[in-house]
Protein backbone atom coordinates (compact mmCIF):
# COMPACT_ATOMS: atom_id res chain seq x y z
CA MET A 1 -59.80 -3.64 -23.27
CA ASP A 2 -57.24 -3.48 -20.45
CA GLU A 3 -54.68 -2.00 -22.85
CA MET A 4 -57.20 0.69 -23.79
CA ARG A 5 -57.80 1.57 -20.13
CA ALA A 6 -54.05 1.69 -19.48
CA ALA A 7 -53.47 3.98 -22.46
CA ASN A 8 -56.35 6.20 -21.31
CA ARG A 9 -54.91 6.41 -17.80
CA ASP A 10 -51.35 7.09 -18.95
CA LEU A 11 -52.39 9.79 -21.41
CA THR A 12 -54.72 11.41 -18.88
CA PHE A 13 -51.94 11.61 -16.27
CA ALA A 14 -49.70 13.09 -18.98
CA GLY A 15 -52.21 15.92 -19.35
CA VAL A 16 -53.85 14.73 -22.56
CA ILE A 17 -57.62 15.03 -22.98
CA VAL A 18 -58.70 11.54 -24.02
CA VAL A 19 -61.81 10.99 -26.14
CA ALA A 20 -62.07 7.21 -25.94
CA PRO A 21 -64.49 4.80 -27.59
CA GLY A 22 -67.43 3.58 -25.56
CA GLU A 23 -67.28 0.21 -23.87
CA ALA A 24 -69.93 -2.43 -23.32
CA ASP A 25 -69.40 -5.38 -20.99
CA GLU A 26 -72.48 -7.18 -22.26
CA LEU A 27 -73.85 -8.13 -25.66
CA ILE A 28 -75.37 -5.19 -27.47
CA THR A 29 -78.11 -5.02 -30.05
CA ASN A 30 -77.45 -4.28 -33.70
CA GLU A 31 -79.05 -0.87 -33.22
CA GLN A 32 -76.71 -0.12 -30.30
CA LYS A 33 -73.72 -1.23 -32.41
CA ILE A 34 -74.74 1.11 -35.22
CA ALA A 35 -75.17 3.99 -32.75
CA LEU A 36 -71.78 3.31 -31.12
CA ASP A 37 -70.06 3.12 -34.51
CA ALA A 38 -71.51 6.51 -35.48
CA LEU A 39 -70.55 7.98 -32.09
CA HIS A 40 -66.96 6.76 -32.49
CA LEU A 41 -66.70 8.60 -35.80
CA ARG A 42 -67.98 11.81 -34.17
CA LYS A 43 -65.33 11.37 -31.47
CA ILE A 44 -62.70 11.11 -34.20
CA ASP A 45 -64.05 14.39 -35.59
CA LEU A 46 -63.38 16.01 -32.19
CA ALA A 47 -59.90 14.54 -31.74
CA ASP A 48 -56.62 16.22 -32.63
CA ARG A 49 -55.08 12.83 -33.37
CA VAL A 50 -55.98 9.15 -33.16
CA LEU A 51 -54.07 6.58 -31.13
CA VAL A 52 -54.98 3.03 -32.12
CA VAL A 53 -54.50 0.64 -29.21
CA ASN A 54 -53.59 -2.57 -31.04
CA PRO A 55 -51.81 -5.04 -28.75
CA GLY A 56 -49.96 -7.63 -30.77
CA GLY A 57 -50.74 -5.65 -33.90
CA TYR A 58 -54.39 -6.75 -33.96
CA ILE A 59 -56.86 -4.41 -35.65
CA GLY A 60 -60.49 -5.48 -35.96
CA LYS A 61 -63.09 -4.61 -38.56
CA SER A 62 -64.60 -1.62 -36.73
CA THR A 63 -61.18 -0.22 -35.91
CA SER A 64 -60.08 -0.60 -39.52
CA ARG A 65 -63.12 1.43 -40.60
CA GLU A 66 -62.35 4.09 -38.00
CA ILE A 67 -58.71 4.28 -39.15
CA ALA A 68 -59.87 4.74 -42.75
CA TYR A 69 -62.25 7.49 -41.62
CA ALA A 70 -59.55 9.27 -39.60
CA HIS A 71 -57.17 9.06 -42.55
CA ALA A 72 -59.83 10.41 -44.94
CA ILE A 73 -60.43 13.49 -42.79
CA GLY A 74 -56.72 14.10 -42.27
CA LYS A 75 -56.31 13.11 -38.62
CA PRO A 76 -52.82 12.00 -37.59
CA ILE A 77 -52.85 8.31 -36.61
CA SER A 78 -50.41 6.41 -34.44
CA PHE A 79 -50.41 2.86 -33.08
CA THR A 80 -49.39 1.36 -29.75
CA ASP A 81 -47.97 -1.59 -31.70
CA PRO A 82 -46.72 -0.21 -35.02
CA SER A 83 -45.03 -3.47 -36.07
CA ASP A 84 -47.31 -4.10 -39.06
CA GLN A 85 -48.37 -0.54 -39.83
């Protein structure tokens, strides 16, 4: 998550309004996971574009779903590590 915080900081100082995913430092319940997943999609709805922070090219299951959602609603998508995209 350090890469996400760094991207958030850099974009914020560049004058970009960042709508970032929520973070949890502890284990969360299944209900909390479902709620966070839905909230992340609503944040994508609000965004002008989506920046996927994917150090080393890694993209997890939830992020893959969010990318598909962003693509389906026509949001521009870019990656911090576009090597495999």
